[in-house]
Full PDB file with SEQRES, HELIX, SHEET, SSBOND, CRYST1, ORIGX, SCALE, CONECT and MASTER records, all heavy atoms in Angstrom:
SEQRES   1 A   33  ALA CYS GLY LEU ALA CYS PRO ARG ASP SER ASP MET GLN          
SEQRES   2 A   33  GLU GLY ALA VAL PRO GLY GLU ARG LEU ASP PRO ALA GLY          
SEQRES   3 A   33  PRO LEU SER GLN LEU ARG ARG                                  
HELIX    1 AA1 SER A   10  ALA A   16  1                                   7    
HELIX    2 AA2 LEU A   28  GLN A   30  5                                   3    
CRYST1    1.000    1.000    1.000  90.00  90.00  90.00 P 1           1          
ORIGX1      1.000000  0.000000  0.000000        0.00000                         
ORIGX2      0.000000  1.000000  0.000000        0.00000                         
ORIGX3      0.000000  0.000000  1.000000        0.00000                         
SCALE1      1.000000  0.000000  0.000000        0.00000                         
SCALE2      0.000000  1.000000  0.000000        0.00000                         
SCALE3      0.000000  0.000000  1.000000        0.00000                         
ATOM      1  N   ALA A   1    -197.613 -97.399  21.537  1.00  0.00           N  
ATOM      2  CA  ALA A   1    -196.420 -97.765  20.775  1.00  0.00           C  
ATOM      3  C   ALA A   1    -196.187 -99.268  20.791  1.00  0.00           C  
ATOM      4  O   ALA A   1    -195.547 -99.814  19.884  1.00  0.00           O  
ATOM      5  CB  ALA A   1    -195.202 -97.038  21.333  1.00  0.00           C  
ATOM      6  N   CYS A   2    -196.696 -99.929  21.817  1.00  0.00           N  
ATOM      7  CA  CYS A   2    -196.558-101.381  21.928  1.00  0.00           C  
ATOM      8  C   CYS A   2    -197.776-102.123  21.383  1.00  0.00           C  
ATOM      9  O   CYS A   2    -197.919-103.334  21.594  1.00  0.00           O  
ATOM     10  CB  CYS A   2    -196.312-101.764  23.388  1.00  0.00           C  
ATOM     11  SG  CYS A   2    -194.747-101.155  24.054  1.00  0.00           S  
ATOM     12  N   GLY A   3    -198.660-101.382  20.717  1.00  0.00           N  
ATOM     13  CA  GLY A   3    -199.835-101.996  20.119  1.00  0.00           C  
ATOM     14  C   GLY A   3    -200.920-102.342  21.111  1.00  0.00           C  
ATOM     15  O   GLY A   3    -201.773-103.193  20.832  1.00  0.00           O  
ATOM     16  N   LEU A   4    -200.907-101.668  22.276  1.00  0.00           N  
ATOM     17  CA  LEU A   4    -201.862-101.961  23.336  1.00  0.00           C  
ATOM     18  C   LEU A   4    -202.888-100.837  23.449  1.00  0.00           C  
ATOM     19  O   LEU A   4    -202.529 -99.665  23.474  1.00  0.00           O  
ATOM     20  CB  LEU A   4    -201.135-102.125  24.677  1.00  0.00           C  
ATOM     21  CG  LEU A   4    -200.048-103.198  24.703  1.00  0.00           C  
ATOM     22  CD1 LEU A   4    -199.233-103.085  25.989  1.00  0.00           C  
ATOM     23  CD2 LEU A   4    -200.668-104.587  24.575  1.00  0.00           C  
ATOM     24  N   ALA A   5    -204.148-101.199  23.540  1.00  0.00           N  
ATOM     25  CA  ALA A   5    -205.205-100.206  23.695  1.00  0.00           C  
ATOM     26  C   ALA A   5    -205.048 -99.500  25.035  1.00  0.00           C  
ATOM     27  O   ALA A   5    -204.596-100.094  26.020  1.00  0.00           O  
ATOM     28  CB  ALA A   5    -206.577-100.874  23.607  1.00  0.00           C  
ATOM     29  N   CYS A   6    -205.426 -98.235  25.071  1.00  0.00           N  
ATOM     30  CA  CYS A   6    -205.327 -97.493  26.317  1.00  0.00           C  
ATOM     31  C   CYS A   6    -206.186 -96.243  26.236  1.00  0.00           C  
ATOM     32  O   CYS A   6    -206.010 -95.429  25.329  1.00  0.00           O  
ATOM     33  CB  CYS A   6    -203.878 -97.100  26.602  1.00  0.00           C  
ATOM     34  SG  CYS A   6    -203.621 -96.410  28.247  1.00  0.00           S  
ATOM     35  N   PRO A   7    -207.118 -96.062  27.176  1.00  0.00           N  
ATOM     36  CA  PRO A   7    -207.893 -94.815  27.192  1.00  0.00           C  
ATOM     37  C   PRO A   7    -207.017 -93.640  27.595  1.00  0.00           C  
ATOM     38  O   PRO A   7    -205.848 -93.812  27.974  1.00  0.00           O  
ATOM     39  CB  PRO A   7    -208.996 -95.092  28.214  1.00  0.00           C  
ATOM     40  CG  PRO A   7    -208.440 -96.163  29.090  1.00  0.00           C  
ATOM     41  CD  PRO A   7    -207.532 -96.980  28.240  1.00  0.00           C  
ATOM     42  N   ARG A   8    -207.578 -92.431  27.555  1.00  0.00           N  
ATOM     43  CA  ARG A   8    -206.769 -91.226  27.709  1.00  0.00           C  
ATOM     44  C   ARG A   8    -206.498 -90.814  29.151  1.00  0.00           C  
ATOM     45  O   ARG A   8    -205.361 -90.482  29.497  1.00  0.00           O  
ATOM     46  CB  ARG A   8    -207.458 -90.067  26.955  1.00  0.00           C  
ATOM     47  CG  ARG A   8    -206.786 -88.717  27.107  1.00  0.00           C  
ATOM     48  CD  ARG A   8    -205.363 -88.744  26.595  1.00  0.00           C  
ATOM     49  NE  ARG A   8    -204.723 -87.438  26.676  1.00  0.00           N  
ATOM     50  CZ  ARG A   8    -204.079 -86.963  27.731  1.00  0.00           C  
ATOM     51  NH1 ARG A   8    -203.993 -87.691  28.831  1.00  0.00           N  
ATOM     52  NH2 ARG A   8    -203.523 -85.765  27.703  1.00  0.00           N  
ATOM     53  N   ASP A   9    -207.505 -90.797  30.008  1.00  0.00           N  
ATOM     54  CA  ASP A   9    -207.354 -90.242  31.345  1.00  0.00           C  
ATOM     55  C   ASP A   9    -207.026 -91.329  32.368  1.00  0.00           C  
ATOM     56  O   ASP A   9    -207.372 -92.503  32.187  1.00  0.00           O  
ATOM     57  CB  ASP A   9    -208.624 -89.509  31.764  1.00  0.00           C  
ATOM     58  CG  ASP A   9    -208.873 -88.266  30.906  1.00  0.00           C  
ATOM     59  OD1 ASP A   9    -207.919 -87.788  30.265  1.00  0.00           O  
ATOM     60  OD2 ASP A   9    -210.027 -87.788  30.879  1.00  0.00           O  
ATOM     61  N   SER A  10    -206.380 -90.922  33.461  1.00  0.00           N  
ATOM     62  CA  SER A  10    -205.899 -91.904  34.435  1.00  0.00           C  
ATOM     63  C   SER A  10    -207.042 -92.699  35.072  1.00  0.00           C  
ATOM     64  O   SER A  10    -206.888 -93.901  35.336  1.00  0.00           O  
ATOM     65  CB  SER A  10    -205.050 -91.226  35.510  1.00  0.00           C  
ATOM     66  OG  SER A  10    -205.798 -90.273  36.240  1.00  0.00           O  
ATOM     67  N   ASP A  11    -208.191 -92.067  35.337  1.00  0.00           N  
ATOM     68  CA  ASP A  11    -209.294 -92.824  35.926  1.00  0.00           C  
ATOM     69  C   ASP A  11    -209.828 -93.864  34.944  1.00  0.00           C  
ATOM     70  O   ASP A  11    -210.219 -94.968  35.347  1.00  0.00           O  
ATOM     71  CB  ASP A  11    -210.411 -91.885  36.393  1.00  0.00           C  
ATOM     72  CG  ASP A  11    -211.084 -91.141  35.248  1.00  0.00           C  
ATOM     73  OD1 ASP A  11    -210.361 -90.592  34.385  1.00  0.00           O  
ATOM     74  OD2 ASP A  11    -212.324 -91.097  35.198  1.00  0.00           O  
ATOM     75  N   MET A  12    -209.833 -93.526  33.650  1.00  0.00           N  
ATOM     76  CA  MET A  12    -210.243 -94.491  32.632  1.00  0.00           C  
ATOM     77  C   MET A  12    -209.248 -95.647  32.573  1.00  0.00           C  
ATOM     78  O   MET A  12    -209.638 -96.819  32.465  1.00  0.00           O  
ATOM     79  CB  MET A  12    -210.306 -93.824  31.262  1.00  0.00           C  
ATOM     80  CG  MET A  12    -211.282 -92.692  31.112  1.00  0.00           C  
ATOM     81  SD  MET A  12    -211.092 -92.003  29.432  1.00  0.00           S  
ATOM     82  CE  MET A  12    -212.268 -90.667  29.480  1.00  0.00           C  
ATOM     83  N   GLN A  13    -207.961 -95.330  32.630  1.00  0.00           N  
ATOM     84  CA  GLN A  13    -206.922 -96.358  32.587  1.00  0.00           C  
ATOM     85  C   GLN A  13    -207.025 -97.294  33.783  1.00  0.00           C  
ATOM     86  O   GLN A  13    -206.913 -98.514  33.653  1.00  0.00           O  
ATOM     87  CB  GLN A  13    -205.550 -95.701  32.529  1.00  0.00           C  
ATOM     88  CG  GLN A  13    -205.303 -94.919  31.255  1.00  0.00           C  
ATOM     89  CD  GLN A  13    -204.048 -94.061  31.312  1.00  0.00           C  
ATOM     90  OE1 GLN A  13    -203.362 -94.008  32.340  1.00  0.00           O  
ATOM     91  NE2 GLN A  13    -203.746 -93.378  30.214  1.00  0.00           N  
ATOM     92  N   GLU A  14    -207.264 -96.708  34.951  1.00  0.00           N  
ATOM     93  CA  GLU A  14    -207.380 -97.504  36.177  1.00  0.00           C  
ATOM     94  C   GLU A  14    -208.529 -98.502  36.066  1.00  0.00           C  
ATOM     95  O   GLU A  14    -208.454 -99.620  36.584  1.00  0.00           O  
ATOM     96  CB  GLU A  14    -207.587 -96.577  37.370  1.00  0.00           C  
ATOM     97  CG  GLU A  14    -207.560 -97.269  38.717  1.00  0.00           C  
ATOM     98  CD  GLU A  14    -207.682 -96.295  39.873  1.00  0.00           C  
ATOM     99  OE1 GLU A  14    -208.100 -95.131  39.646  1.00  0.00           O  
ATOM    100  OE2 GLU A  14    -207.370 -96.684  41.021  1.00  0.00           O  
ATOM    101  N   GLY A  15    -209.590 -98.107  35.372  1.00  0.00           N  
ATOM    102  CA  GLY A  15    -210.746 -98.983  35.254  1.00  0.00           C  
ATOM    103  C   GLY A  15    -210.716 -99.921  34.071  1.00  0.00           C  
ATOM    104  O   GLY A  15    -211.433-100.924  34.066  1.00  0.00           O  
ATOM    105  N   ALA A  16    -209.878 -99.618  33.056  1.00  0.00           N  
ATOM    106  CA  ALA A  16    -209.990-100.358  31.795  1.00  0.00           C  
ATOM    107  C   ALA A  16    -208.760-101.167  31.400  1.00  0.00           C  
ATOM    108  O   ALA A  16    -208.878-102.112  30.618  1.00  0.00           O  
ATOM    109  CB  ALA A  16    -210.325 -99.387  30.663  1.00  0.00           C  
ATOM    110  N   VAL A  17    -207.573-100.798  31.871  1.00  0.00           N  
ATOM    111  CA  VAL A  17    -206.376-101.544  31.461  1.00  0.00           C  
ATOM    112  C   VAL A  17    -206.461-102.962  32.026  1.00  0.00           C  
ATOM    113  O   VAL A  17    -206.569-103.143  33.246  1.00  0.00           O  
ATOM    114  CB  VAL A  17    -205.090-100.853  31.935  1.00  0.00           C  
ATOM    115  CG1 VAL A  17    -203.881-101.754  31.706  1.00  0.00           C  
ATOM    116  CG2 VAL A  17    -204.889 -99.526  31.210  1.00  0.00           C  
ATOM    117  N   PRO A  18    -206.417-103.974  31.167  1.00  0.00           N  
ATOM    118  CA  PRO A  18    -206.532-105.350  31.663  1.00  0.00           C  
ATOM    119  C   PRO A  18    -205.247-105.814  32.336  1.00  0.00           C  
ATOM    120  O   PRO A  18    -204.148-105.416  31.962  1.00  0.00           O  
ATOM    121  CB  PRO A  18    -206.800-106.151  30.379  1.00  0.00           C  
ATOM    122  CG  PRO A  18    -206.134-105.359  29.299  1.00  0.00           C  
ATOM    123  CD  PRO A  18    -206.309-103.912  29.702  1.00  0.00           C  
ATOM    124  N   GLY A  19    -205.405-106.632  33.346  1.00  0.00           N  
ATOM    125  CA  GLY A  19    -204.243-107.166  34.033  1.00  0.00           C  
ATOM    126  C   GLY A  19    -204.562-107.572  35.457  1.00  0.00           C  
ATOM    127  O   GLY A  19    -205.702-107.493  35.919  1.00  0.00           O  
ATOM    128  N   GLU A  20    -203.533-107.985  36.171  1.00  0.00           N  
ATOM    129  CA  GLU A  20    -203.664-108.419  37.553  1.00  0.00           C  
ATOM    130  C   GLU A  20    -203.708-107.217  38.484  1.00  0.00           C  
ATOM    131  O   GLU A  20    -202.909-106.293  38.351  1.00  0.00           O  
ATOM    132  CB  GLU A  20    -202.483-109.316  37.913  1.00  0.00           C  
ATOM    133  CG  GLU A  20    -202.503-109.851  39.329  1.00  0.00           C  
ATOM    134  CD  GLU A  20    -201.261-110.649  39.670  1.00  0.00           C  
ATOM    135  OE1 GLU A  20    -200.412-110.840  38.771  1.00  0.00           O  
ATOM    136  OE2 GLU A  20    -201.131-111.072  40.844  1.00  0.00           O  
ATOM    137  N   ARG A  21    -204.635-107.227  39.425  1.00  0.00           N  
ATOM    138  CA  ARG A  21    -204.747-106.159  40.417  1.00  0.00           C  
ATOM    139  C   ARG A  21    -203.947-106.560  41.653  1.00  0.00           C  
ATOM    140  O   ARG A  21    -204.219-107.583  42.280  1.00  0.00           O  
ATOM    141  CB  ARG A  21    -206.204-105.921  40.783  1.00  0.00           C  
ATOM    142  CG  ARG A  21    -207.110-105.641  39.578  1.00  0.00           C  
ATOM    143  CD  ARG A  21    -207.013-104.207  39.143  1.00  0.00           C  
ATOM    144  NE  ARG A  21    -207.525-104.018  37.785  1.00  0.00           N  
ATOM    145  CZ  ARG A  21    -207.960-102.867  37.322  1.00  0.00           C  
ATOM    146  NH1 ARG A  21    -207.960-101.791  38.102  1.00  0.00           N  
ATOM    147  NH2 ARG A  21    -208.366-102.746  36.068  1.00  0.00           N  
ATOM    148  N   LEU A  22    -202.964-105.739  41.986  1.00  0.00           N  
ATOM    149  CA  LEU A  22    -202.118-106.009  43.144  1.00  0.00           C  
ATOM    150  C   LEU A  22    -202.578-105.175  44.338  1.00  0.00           C  
ATOM    151  O   LEU A  22    -203.228-104.137  44.185  1.00  0.00           O  
ATOM    152  CB  LEU A  22    -200.664-105.685  42.822  1.00  0.00           C  
ATOM    153  CG  LEU A  22    -200.053-106.375  41.592  1.00  0.00           C  
ATOM    154  CD1 LEU A  22    -198.592-105.977  41.442  1.00  0.00           C  
ATOM    155  CD2 LEU A  22    -200.203-107.886  41.675  1.00  0.00           C  
ATOM    156  N   ASP A  23    -202.225-105.629  45.521  1.00  0.00           N  
ATOM    157  CA  ASP A  23    -202.609-104.944  46.745  1.00  0.00           C  
ATOM    158  C   ASP A  23    -201.767-103.678  46.919  1.00  0.00           C  
ATOM    159  O   ASP A  23    -200.544-103.762  47.079  1.00  0.00           O  
ATOM    160  CB  ASP A  23    -202.392-105.878  47.942  1.00  0.00           C  
ATOM    161  CG  ASP A  23    -202.792-105.248  49.268  1.00  0.00           C  
ATOM    162  OD1 ASP A  23    -203.315-104.116  49.261  1.00  0.00           O  
ATOM    163  OD2 ASP A  23    -202.574-105.905  50.301  1.00  0.00           O  
ATOM    164  N   PRO A  24    -202.393-102.478  46.892  1.00  0.00           N  
ATOM    165  CA  PRO A  24    -201.615-101.251  47.049  1.00  0.00           C  
ATOM    166  C   PRO A  24    -200.976-101.113  48.423  1.00  0.00           C  
ATOM    167  O   PRO A  24    -200.054-100.304  48.605  1.00  0.00           O  
ATOM    168  CB  PRO A  24    -202.637-100.142  46.799  1.00  0.00           C  
ATOM    169  CG  PRO A  24    -203.952-100.759  47.111  1.00  0.00           C  
ATOM    170  CD  PRO A  24    -203.826-102.201  46.711  1.00  0.00           C  
ATOM    171  N   ALA A  25    -201.447-101.889  49.387  1.00  0.00           N  
ATOM    172  CA  ALA A  25    -200.858-101.864  50.725  1.00  0.00           C  
ATOM    173  C   ALA A  25    -199.764-102.916  50.883  1.00  0.00           C  
ATOM    174  O   ALA A  25    -199.161-103.027  51.956  1.00  0.00           O  
ATOM    175  CB  ALA A  25    -201.944-102.076  51.783  1.00  0.00           C  
ATOM    176  N   GLY A  26    -199.521-103.671  49.834  1.00  0.00           N  
ATOM    177  CA  GLY A  26    -198.521-104.728  49.899  1.00  0.00           C  
ATOM    178  C   GLY A  26    -197.104-104.186  49.837  1.00  0.00           C  
ATOM    179  O   GLY A  26    -196.884-102.986  49.622  1.00  0.00           O  
ATOM    180  N   PRO A  27    -196.107-105.058  49.991  1.00  0.00           N  
ATOM    181  CA  PRO A  27    -194.705-104.620  49.976  1.00  0.00           C  
ATOM    182  C   PRO A  27    -194.280-104.152  48.589  1.00  0.00           C  
ATOM    183  O   PRO A  27    -194.771-104.658  47.571  1.00  0.00           O  
ATOM    184  CB  PRO A  27    -193.945-105.876  50.399  1.00  0.00           C  
ATOM    185  CG  PRO A  27    -194.832-107.005  49.955  1.00  0.00           C  
ATOM    186  CD  PRO A  27    -196.234-106.513  50.171  1.00  0.00           C  
ATOM    187  N   LEU A  28    -193.369-103.184  48.546  1.00  0.00           N  
ATOM    188  CA  LEU A  28    -192.877-102.694  47.258  1.00  0.00           C  
ATOM    189  C   LEU A  28    -192.101-103.771  46.508  1.00  0.00           C  
ATOM    190  O   LEU A  28    -191.931-103.686  45.295  1.00  0.00           O  
ATOM    191  CB  LEU A  28    -192.004-101.455  47.467  1.00  0.00           C  
ATOM    192  CG  LEU A  28    -192.712-100.215  48.023  1.00  0.00           C  
ATOM    193  CD1 LEU A  28    -191.746 -99.041  48.096  1.00  0.00           C  
ATOM    194  CD2 LEU A  28    -193.934 -99.851  47.195  1.00  0.00           C  
ATOM    195  N   SER A  29    -191.661-104.791  47.208  1.00  0.00           N  
ATOM    196  CA  SER A  29    -190.922-105.880  46.559  1.00  0.00           C  
ATOM    197  C   SER A  29    -191.789-106.647  45.569  1.00  0.00           C  
ATOM    198  O   SER A  29    -191.267-107.376  44.716  1.00  0.00           O  
ATOM    199  CB  SER A  29    -190.365-106.839  47.612  1.00  0.00           C  
ATOM    200  OG  SER A  29    -191.417-107.380  48.405  1.00  0.00           O  
ATOM    201  N   GLN A  30    -193.123-106.487  45.660  1.00  0.00           N  
ATOM    202  CA  GLN A  30    -194.018-107.169  44.720  1.00  0.00           C  
ATOM    203  C   GLN A  30    -194.005-106.512  43.338  1.00  0.00           C  
ATOM    204  O   GLN A  30    -194.448-107.111  42.359  1.00  0.00           O  
ATOM    205  CB  GLN A  30    -195.449-107.165  45.257  1.00  0.00           C  
ATOM    206  CG  GLN A  30    -196.113-105.778  45.241  1.00  0.00           C  
ATOM    207  CD  GLN A  30    -197.549-105.778  45.704  1.00  0.00           C  
ATOM    208  OE1 GLN A  30    -198.314-106.706  45.423  1.00  0.00           O  
ATOM    209  NE2 GLN A  30    -197.931-104.726  46.433  1.00  0.00           N  
ATOM    210  N   LEU A  31    -193.507-105.274  43.246  1.00  0.00           N  
ATOM    211  CA  LEU A  31    -193.584-104.522  42.005  1.00  0.00           C  
ATOM    212  C   LEU A  31    -192.533-104.955  41.011  1.00  0.00           C  
ATOM    213  O   LEU A  31    -191.427-105.376  41.378  1.00  0.00           O  
ATOM    214  CB  LEU A  31    -193.428-103.022  42.292  1.00  0.00           C  
ATOM    215  CG  LEU A  31    -194.467-102.410  43.236  1.00  0.00           C  
ATOM    216  CD1 LEU A  31    -194.157-100.938  43.466  1.00  0.00           C  
ATOM    217  CD2 LEU A  31    -195.874-102.578  42.674  1.00  0.00           C  
ATOM    218  N   ARG A  32    -192.871-104.832  39.730  1.00  0.00           N  
ATOM    219  CA  ARG A  32    -191.888-105.103  38.682  1.00  0.00           C  
ATOM    220  C   ARG A  32    -192.105-104.145  37.524  1.00  0.00           C  
ATOM    221  O   ARG A  32    -193.125-103.460  37.436  1.00  0.00           O  
ATOM    222  CB  ARG A  32    -191.956-106.558  38.232  1.00  0.00           C  
ATOM    223  CG  ARG A  32    -193.182-106.956  37.445  1.00  0.00           C  
ATOM    224  CD  ARG A  32    -193.183-108.453  37.181  1.00  0.00           C  
ATOM    225  NE  ARG A  32    -194.242-108.853  36.257  1.00  0.00           N  
ATOM    226  CZ  ARG A  32    -194.748-110.078  36.204  1.00  0.00           C  
ATOM    227  NH1 ARG A  32    -194.304-111.011  37.027  1.00  0.00           N  
ATOM    228  NH2 ARG A  32    -195.699-110.376  35.326  1.00  0.00           N  
ATOM    229  N   ARG A  33    -191.131-104.101  36.640  1.00  0.00           N  
ATOM    230  CA  ARG A  33    -191.115-103.167  35.518  1.00  0.00           C  
ATOM    231  C   ARG A  33    -192.424-103.232  34.727  1.00  0.00           C  
ATOM    232  O   ARG A  33    -192.879-104.315  34.357  1.00  0.00           O  
ATOM    233  CB  ARG A  33    -189.929-103.485  34.605  1.00  0.00           C  
ATOM    234  CG  ARG A  33    -189.685-102.492  33.462  1.00  0.00           C  
ATOM    235  CD  ARG A  33    -188.422-102.900  32.719  1.00  0.00           C  
ATOM    236  NE  ARG A  33    -188.129-102.082  31.556  1.00  0.00           N  
ATOM    237  CZ  ARG A  33    -187.395-100.970  31.566  1.00  0.00           C  
ATOM    238  NH1 ARG A  33    -186.888-100.537  32.723  1.00  0.00           N  
ATOM    239  NH2 ARG A  33    -187.159-100.286  30.459  1.00  0.00           N  
TER     240      ARG A  33                                                      
MASTER        0    0    0    2    0    0    0    6  239    1    0    3          
END                                                                             
C-alpha cells in the first residue's frame, strides 16, 4: 500500500526487505514505529 516491494512469506521478508539490521538482543528502547 505504501508502494514498497515485499515478498510473501516471513522468511523471504527477513532476507529481502532492505534496511538497517538491529541487534535482536539489544534494548527495546532502540525500536521505533
